[in-house]
Amino acid sequence: MGRFNPRGRSYEQRVSEVNRIYDEHVKSGLSNREIWRRYIHPQLGICERAFYKMLKASGKIGRNADGESTLHK
């Protein structure tokens, strides 16, 4: 069995939402765990590990030649 590698638009939207929430609250000095516990988990219902994967994936989202958003490996 291979690893699950989500690349759909809904995943991309969740990554954007996680990063928007994270950027909004990181400036207040909260730890990543507190941001996840107070804001991310109640809204999106994702586990802490998925939260960290989405923060990492945000750097891999780009645009192709047609201007379409893509998630790179």
PDB file of N, CA and C in Angstrom:
ATOM      1  N   MET A   1       0.825  -1.184   0.000  1.00  0.00           N
ATOM      2  CA  MET A   1       0.000   0.000   0.000  1.00  0.00           C
ATOM      3  C   MET A   1       0.870   1.248   0.000  1.00  0.00           C
ATOM      4  N   GLY A   2       0.573   2.187  -0.855  1.00  0.00           N
ATOM      5  CA  GLY A   2       1.329   3.429  -0.915  1.00  0.00           C
ATOM      6  C   GLY A   2       0.830   4.439   0.099  1.00  0.00           C
ATOM      7  N   ARG A   3       1.618   5.447   0.293  1.00  0.00           N
ATOM      8  CA  ARG A   3       1.213   6.519   1.212  1.00  0.00           C
ATOM      9  C   ARG A   3       0.153   7.392   0.564  1.00  0.00           C
ATOM     10  N   PHE A   4      -0.733   7.900   1.362  1.00  0.00           N
ATOM     11  CA  PHE A   4      -1.777   8.799   0.871  1.00  0.00           C
ATOM     12  C   PHE A   4      -1.140  10.142   0.574  1.00  0.00           C
ATOM     13  N   ASN A   5      -1.331  10.633  -0.634  1.00  0.00           N
ATOM     14  CA  ASN A   5      -0.736  11.901  -1.033  1.00  0.00           C
ATOM     15  C   ASN A   5      -1.832  12.806  -1.586  1.00  0.00           C
ATOM     16  N   PRO A   6      -2.530  13.542  -0.715  1.00  0.00           N
ATOM     17  CA  PRO A   6      -3.653  14.358  -1.179  1.00  0.00           C
ATOM     18  C   PRO A   6      -3.185  15.553  -2.005  1.00  0.00           C
ATOM     19  N   ARG A   7      -3.810  15.738  -3.147  1.00  0.00           N
ATOM     20  CA  ARG A   7      -3.433  16.854  -4.013  1.00  0.00           C
ATOM     21  C   ARG A   7      -4.621  17.570  -4.615  1.00  0.00           C
ATOM     22  N   GLY A   8      -5.794  17.284  -4.137  1.00  0.00           N
ATOM     23  CA  GLY A   8      -6.988  17.885  -4.714  1.00  0.00           C
ATOM     24  C   GLY A   8      -7.186  19.325  -4.285  1.00  0.00           C
ATOM     25  N   ARG A   9      -8.171  19.956  -4.881  1.00  0.00           N
ATOM     26  CA  ARG A   9      -8.477  21.349  -4.552  1.00  0.00           C
ATOM     27  C   ARG A   9      -8.935  21.510  -3.114  1.00  0.00           C
ATOM     28  N   SER A  10      -9.683  20.547  -2.597  1.00  0.00           N
ATOM     29  CA  SER A  10     -10.167  20.676  -1.229  1.00  0.00           C
ATOM     30  C   SER A  10      -8.994  20.642  -0.243  1.00  0.00           C
ATOM     31  N   TYR A  11      -7.988  19.813  -0.524  1.00  0.00           N
ATOM     32  CA  TYR A  11      -6.798  19.782   0.327  1.00  0.00           C
ATOM     33  C   TYR A  11      -6.069  21.123   0.258  1.00  0.00           C
ATOM     34  N   GLU A  12      -5.958  21.637  -0.935  1.00  0.00           N
ATOM     35  CA  GLU A  12      -5.299  22.921  -1.126  1.00  0.00           C
ATOM     36  C   GLU A  12      -6.038  24.035  -0.379  1.00  0.00           C
ATOM     37  N   GLN A  13      -7.348  23.983  -0.391  1.00  0.00           N
ATOM     38  CA  GLN A  13      -8.144  24.982   0.326  1.00  0.00           C
ATOM     39  C   GLN A  13      -7.937  24.856   1.834  1.00  0.00           C
ATOM     40  N   ARG A  14      -7.873  23.604   2.340  1.00  0.00           N
ATOM     41  CA  ARG A  14      -7.619  23.407   3.766  1.00  0.00           C
ATOM     42  C   ARG A  14      -6.237  23.909   4.146  1.00  0.00           C
ATOM     43  N   VAL A  15      -5.245  23.674   3.288  1.00  0.00           N
ATOM     44  CA  VAL A  15      -3.886  24.173   3.542  1.00  0.00           C
ATOM     45  C   VAL A  15      -3.912  25.694   3.628  1.00  0.00           C
ATOM     46  N   SER A  16      -4.601  26.337   2.714  1.00  0.00           N
ATOM     47  CA  SER A  16      -4.700  27.801   2.725  1.00  0.00           C
ATOM     48  C   SER A  16      -5.402  28.297   3.985  1.00  0.00           C
ATOM     49  N   GLU A  17      -6.471  27.609   4.388  1.00  0.00           N
ATOM     50  CA  GLU A  17      -7.215  27.995   5.585  1.00  0.00           C
ATOM     51  C   GLU A  17      -6.363  27.833   6.844  1.00  0.00           C
ATOM     52  N   VAL A  18      -5.654  26.714   6.940  1.00  0.00           N
ATOM     53  CA  VAL A  18      -4.769  26.481   8.084  1.00  0.00           C
ATOM     54  C   VAL A  18      -3.716  27.573   8.163  1.00  0.00           C
ATOM     55  N   ASN A  19      -3.116  27.910   7.048  1.00  0.00           N
ATOM     56  CA  ASN A  19      -2.079  28.931   7.044  1.00  0.00           C
ATOM     57  C   ASN A  19      -2.625  30.318   7.347  1.00  0.00           C
ATOM     58  N   ARG A  20      -3.826  30.603   6.903  1.00  0.00           N
ATOM     59  CA  ARG A  20      -4.442  31.889   7.221  1.00  0.00           C
ATOM     60  C   ARG A  20      -4.657  32.013   8.728  1.00  0.00           C
ATOM     61  N   ILE A  21      -5.224  30.969   9.329  1.00  0.00           N
ATOM     62  CA  ILE A  21      -5.456  30.976  10.771  1.00  0.00           C
ATOM     63  C   ILE A  21      -4.142  31.038  11.527  1.00  0.00           C
ATOM     64  N   TYR A  22      -3.168  30.245  11.090  1.00  0.00           N
ATOM     65  CA  TYR A  22      -1.862  30.206  11.745  1.00  0.00           C
ATOM     66  C   TYR A  22      -1.188  31.584  11.699  1.00  0.00           C
ATOM     67  N   ASP A  23      -1.160  32.195  10.537  1.00  0.00           N
ATOM     68  CA  ASP A  23      -0.525  33.511  10.389  1.00  0.00           C
ATOM     69  C   ASP A  23      -1.208  34.569  11.251  1.00  0.00           C
ATOM     70  N   GLU A  24      -2.511  34.440  11.396  1.00  0.00           N
ATOM     71  CA  GLU A  24      -3.280  35.385  12.194  1.00  0.00           C
ATOM     72  C   GLU A  24      -2.904  35.313  13.679  1.00  0.00           C
ATOM     73  N   HIS A  25      -2.613  34.117  14.187  1.00  0.00           N
ATOM     74  CA  HIS A  25      -2.405  33.936  15.623  1.00  0.00           C
ATOM     75  C   HIS A  25      -0.944  33.760  16.035  1.00  0.00           C
ATOM     76  N   VAL A  26      -0.049  33.502  15.114  1.00  0.00           N
ATOM     77  CA  VAL A  26       1.354  33.267  15.483  1.00  0.00           C
ATOM     78  C   VAL A  26       2.005  34.541  16.022  1.00  0.00           C
ATOM     79  N   LYS A  27       1.543  35.683  15.574  1.00  0.00           N
ATOM     80  CA  LYS A  27       2.116  36.956  16.005  1.00  0.00           C
ATOM     81  C   LYS A  27       1.824  37.266  17.471  1.00  0.00           C
ATOM     82  N   SER A  28       0.804  36.612  18.035  1.00  0.00           N
ATOM     83  CA  SER A  28       0.449  36.861  19.431  1.00  0.00           C
ATOM     84  C   SER A  28       1.355  36.115  20.407  1.00  0.00           C
ATOM     85  N   GLY A  29       2.256  35.282  19.892  1.00  0.00           N
ATOM     86  CA  GLY A  29       3.201  34.577  20.750  1.00  0.00           C
ATOM     87  C   GLY A  29       2.733  33.211  21.210  1.00  0.00           C
ATOM     88  N   LEU A  30       1.614  32.709  20.689  1.00  0.00           N
ATOM     89  CA  LEU A  30       1.139  31.382  21.056  1.00  0.00           C
ATOM     90  C   LEU A  30       2.013  30.317  20.407  1.00  0.00           C
ATOM     91  N   SER A  31       2.173  29.187  21.082  1.00  0.00           N
ATOM     92  CA  SER A  31       2.919  28.075  20.502  1.00  0.00           C
ATOM     93  C   SER A  31       2.084  27.433  19.392  1.00  0.00           C
ATOM     94  N   ASN A  32       2.736  26.657  18.553  1.00  0.00           N
ATOM     95  CA  ASN A  32       2.023  25.969  17.473  1.00  0.00           C
ATOM     96  C   ASN A  32       0.945  25.059  18.026  1.00  0.00           C
ATOM     97  N   ARG A  33       1.251  24.364  19.120  1.00  0.00           N
ATOM     98  CA  ARG A  33       0.278  23.446  19.717  1.00  0.00           C
ATOM     99  C   ARG A  33      -0.957  24.195  20.216  1.00  0.00           C
ATOM    100  N   GLU A  34      -0.754  25.354  20.817  1.00  0.00           N
ATOM    101  CA  GLU A  34      -1.889  26.144  21.303  1.00  0.00           C
ATOM    102  C   GLU A  34      -2.727  26.666  20.148  1.00  0.00           C
ATOM    103  N   ILE A  35      -2.082  27.089  19.082  1.00  0.00           N
ATOM    104  CA  ILE A  35      -2.826  27.548  17.902  1.00  0.00           C
ATOM    105  C   ILE A  35      -3.662  26.402  17.362  1.00  0.00           C
ATOM    106  N   TRP A  36      -3.062  25.216  17.262  1.00  0.00           N
ATOM    107  CA  TRP A  36      -3.808  24.057  16.775  1.00  0.00           C
ATOM    108  C   TRP A  36      -4.974  23.747  17.712  1.00  0.00           C
ATOM    109  N   ARG A  37      -4.704  23.708  19.021  1.00  0.00           N
ATOM    110  CA  ARG A  37      -5.713  23.311  19.998  1.00  0.00           C
ATOM    111  C   ARG A  37      -6.868  24.302  20.081  1.00  0.00           C
ATOM    112  N   ARG A  38      -6.573  25.597  20.055  1.00  0.00           N
ATOM    113  CA  ARG A  38      -7.613  26.618  20.229  1.00  0.00           C
ATOM    114  C   ARG A  38      -8.368  26.965  18.950  1.00  0.00           C
ATOM    115  N   TYR A  39      -7.673  26.972  17.815  1.00  0.00           N
ATOM    116  CA  TYR A  39      -8.266  27.525  16.597  1.00  0.00           C
ATOM    117  C   TYR A  39      -8.411  26.527  15.443  1.00  0.00           C
ATOM    118  N   ILE A  40      -7.390  25.716  15.200  1.00  0.00           N
ATOM    119  CA  ILE A  40      -7.408  24.828  14.035  1.00  0.00           C
ATOM    120  C   ILE A  40      -8.312  23.615  14.272  1.00  0.00           C
ATOM    121  N   HIS A  41      -8.073  22.900  15.361  1.00  0.00           N
ATOM    122  CA  HIS A  41      -8.828  21.671  15.625  1.00  0.00           C
ATOM    123  C   HIS A  41     -10.342  21.906  15.746  1.00  0.00           C
ATOM    124  N   PRO A  42     -10.792  22.914  16.478  1.00  0.00           N
ATOM    125  CA  PRO A  42     -12.251  23.118  16.561  1.00  0.00           C
ATOM    126  C   PRO A  42     -12.905  23.462  15.219  1.00  0.00           C
ATOM    127  N   GLN A  43     -12.198  24.187  14.357  1.00  0.00           N
ATOM    128  CA  GLN A  43     -12.794  24.594  13.076  1.00  0.00           C
ATOM    129  C   GLN A  43     -12.700  23.517  12.009  1.00  0.00           C
ATOM    130  N   LEU A  44     -11.521  22.877  11.898  1.00  0.00           N
ATOM    131  CA  LEU A  44     -11.292  21.947  10.803  1.00  0.00           C
ATOM    132  C   LEU A  44     -11.307  20.489  11.231  1.00  0.00           C
ATOM    133  N   GLY A  45     -11.157  20.220  12.518  1.00  0.00           N
ATOM    134  CA  GLY A  45     -11.195  18.850  13.014  1.00  0.00           C
ATOM    135  C   GLY A  45     -10.038  17.987  12.557  1.00  0.00           C
ATOM    136  N   ILE A  46      -8.872  18.573  12.352  1.00  0.00           N
ATOM    137  CA  ILE A  46      -7.712  17.798  11.920  1.00  0.00           C
ATOM    138  C   ILE A  46      -6.805  17.527  13.113  1.00  0.00           C
ATOM    139  N   CYS A  47      -6.028  16.456  13.034  1.00  0.00           N
ATOM    140  CA  CYS A  47      -5.108  16.126  14.116  1.00  0.00           C
ATOM    141  C   CYS A  47      -3.882  17.037  14.045  1.00  0.00           C
ATOM    142  N   GLU A  48      -3.104  17.007  15.107  1.00  0.00           N
ATOM    143  CA  GLU A  48      -1.936  17.884  15.187  1.00  0.00           C
ATOM    144  C   GLU A  48      -0.913  17.557  14.107  1.00  0.00           C
ATOM    145  N   ARG A  49      -0.743  16.282  13.825  1.00  0.00           N
ATOM    146  CA  ARG A  49       0.220  15.884  12.797  1.00  0.00           C
ATOM    147  C   ARG A  49      -0.197  16.412  11.421  1.00  0.00           C
ATOM    148  N   ALA A  50      -1.483  16.336  11.110  1.00  0.00           N
ATOM    149  CA  ALA A  50      -1.984  16.869   9.839  1.00  0.00           C
ATOM    150  C   ALA A  50      -1.766  18.382   9.774  1.00  0.00           C
ATOM    151  N   PHE A  51      -1.915  19.049  10.912  1.00  0.00           N
ATOM    152  CA  PHE A  51      -1.665  20.486  10.999  1.00  0.00           C
ATOM    153  C   PHE A  51      -0.228  20.805  10.584  1.00  0.00           C
ATOM    154  N   TYR A  52       0.727  20.058  11.130  1.00  0.00           N
ATOM    155  CA  TYR A  52       2.132  20.290  10.778  1.00  0.00           C
ATOM    156  C   TYR A  52       2.419  19.952   9.313  1.00  0.00           C
ATOM    157  N   LYS A  53       1.787  18.912   8.798  1.00  0.00           N
ATOM    158  CA  LYS A  53       1.959  18.567   7.381  1.00  0.00           C
ATOM    159  C   LYS A  53       1.419  19.672   6.478  1.00  0.00           C
ATOM    160  N   MET A  54       0.303  20.275   6.886  1.00  0.00           N
ATOM    161  CA  MET A  54      -0.279  21.351   6.084  1.00  0.00           C
ATOM    162  C   MET A  54       0.579  22.607   6.129  1.00  0.00           C
ATOM    163  N   LEU A  55       1.197  22.882   7.273  1.00  0.00           N
ATOM    164  CA  LEU A  55       2.113  24.022   7.347  1.00  0.00           C
ATOM    165  C   LEU A  55       3.297  23.799   6.409  1.00  0.00           C
ATOM    166  N   LYS A  56       3.798  22.581   6.373  1.00  0.00           N
ATOM    167  CA  LYS A  56       4.921  22.248   5.503  1.00  0.00           C
ATOM    168  C   LYS A  56       4.502  22.273   4.027  1.00  0.00           C
ATOM    169  N   ALA A  57       3.284  21.797   3.736  1.00  0.00           N
ATOM    170  CA  ALA A  57       2.789  21.731   2.355  1.00  0.00           C
ATOM    171  C   ALA A  57       2.559  23.110   1.767  1.00  0.00           C
ATOM    172  N   SER A  58       2.376  24.115   2.615  1.00  0.00           N
ATOM    173  CA  SER A  58       2.084  25.448   2.094  1.00  0.00           C
ATOM    174  C   SER A  58       3.215  25.985   1.233  1.00  0.00           C
ATOM    175  N   GLY A  59       4.432  25.556   1.496  1.00  0.00           N
ATOM    176  CA  GLY A  59       5.563  25.984   0.685  1.00  0.00           C
ATOM    177  C   GLY A  59       5.643  25.284  -0.645  1.00  0.00           C
ATOM    178  N   LYS A  60       4.865  24.221  -0.810  1.00  0.00           N
ATOM    179  CA  LYS A  60       4.912  23.431  -2.036  1.00  0.00           C
ATOM    180  C   LYS A  60       3.783  23.765  -3.001  1.00  0.00           C
ATOM    181  N   ILE A  61       2.904  24.656  -2.616  1.00  0.00           N
ATOM    182  CA  ILE A  61       1.803  25.045  -3.504  1.00  0.00           C
ATOM    183  C   ILE A  61       2.318  26.131  -4.439  1.00  0.00           C
ATOM    184  N   GLY A  62       2.145  25.913  -5.714  1.00  0.00           N
ATOM    185  CA  GLY A  62       2.621  26.875  -6.703  1.00  0.00           C
ATOM    186  C   GLY A  62       1.606  27.069  -7.806  1.00  0.00           C
ATOM    187  N   ARG A  63       2.000  27.743  -8.852  1.00  0.00           N
ATOM    188  CA  ARG A  63       1.131  27.990 -10.009  1.00  0.00           C
ATOM    189  C   ARG A  63       1.795  27.409 -11.253  1.00  0.00           C
ATOM    190  N   ASN A  64       0.997  26.771 -12.111  1.00  0.00           N
ATOM    191  CA  ASN A  64       1.553  26.265 -13.357  1.00  0.00           C
ATOM    192  C   ASN A  64       1.470  27.348 -14.435  1.00  0.00           C
ATOM    193  N   ALA A  65       1.829  27.014 -15.646  1.00  0.00           N
ATOM    194  CA  ALA A  65       1.874  27.991 -16.733  1.00  0.00           C
ATOM    195  C   ALA A  65       0.500  28.593 -17.045  1.00  0.00           C
ATOM    196  N   ASP A  66      -0.564  27.834 -16.792  1.00  0.00           N
ATOM    197  CA  ASP A  66      -1.922  28.322 -17.069  1.00  0.00           C
ATOM    198  C   ASP A  66      -2.462  29.187 -15.926  1.00  0.00           C
ATOM    199  N   GLY A  67      -1.700  29.352 -14.861  1.00  0.00           N
ATOM    200  CA  GLY A  67      -2.155  30.130 -13.738  1.00  0.00           C
ATOM    201  C   GLY A  67      -2.937  29.305 -12.733  1.00  0.00           C
ATOM    202  N   GLU A  68      -3.050  28.001 -13.007  1.00  0.00           N
ATOM    203  CA  GLU A  68      -3.752  27.105 -12.103  1.00  0.00           C
ATOM    204  C   GLU A  68      -2.860  26.771 -10.915  1.00  0.00           C
ATOM    205  N   SER A  69      -3.458  26.679  -9.766  1.00  0.00           N
ATOM    206  CA  SER A  69      -2.720  26.333  -8.564  1.00  0.00           C
ATOM    207  C   SER A  69      -2.438  24.837  -8.549  1.00  0.00           C
ATOM    208  N   THR A  70      -1.217  24.463  -8.183  1.00  0.00           N
ATOM    209  CA  THR A  70      -0.848  23.059  -8.108  1.00  0.00           C
ATOM    210  C   THR A  70      -0.083  22.793  -6.827  1.00  0.00           C
ATOM    211  N   LEU A  71      -0.171  21.575  -6.346  1.00  0.00           N
ATOM    212  CA  LEU A  71       0.577  21.151  -5.168  1.00  0.00           C
ATOM    213  C   LEU A  71       1.693  20.241  -5.649  1.00  0.00           C
ATOM    214  N   HIS A  72       2.931  20.670  -5.473  1.00  0.00           N
ATOM    215  CA  HIS A  72       4.089  19.911  -5.950  1.00  0.00           C
ATOM    216  C   HIS A  72       4.506  18.870  -4.945  1.00  0.00           C
ATOM    217  N   LYS A  73       5.180  17.827  -5.414  1.00  0.00           N
ATOM    218  CA  LYS A  73       5.722  16.799  -4.529  1.00  0.00           C
ATOM    219  C   LYS A  73       6.795  17.363  -3.653  1.00  0.00           C
TER     220      LYS A  73
END
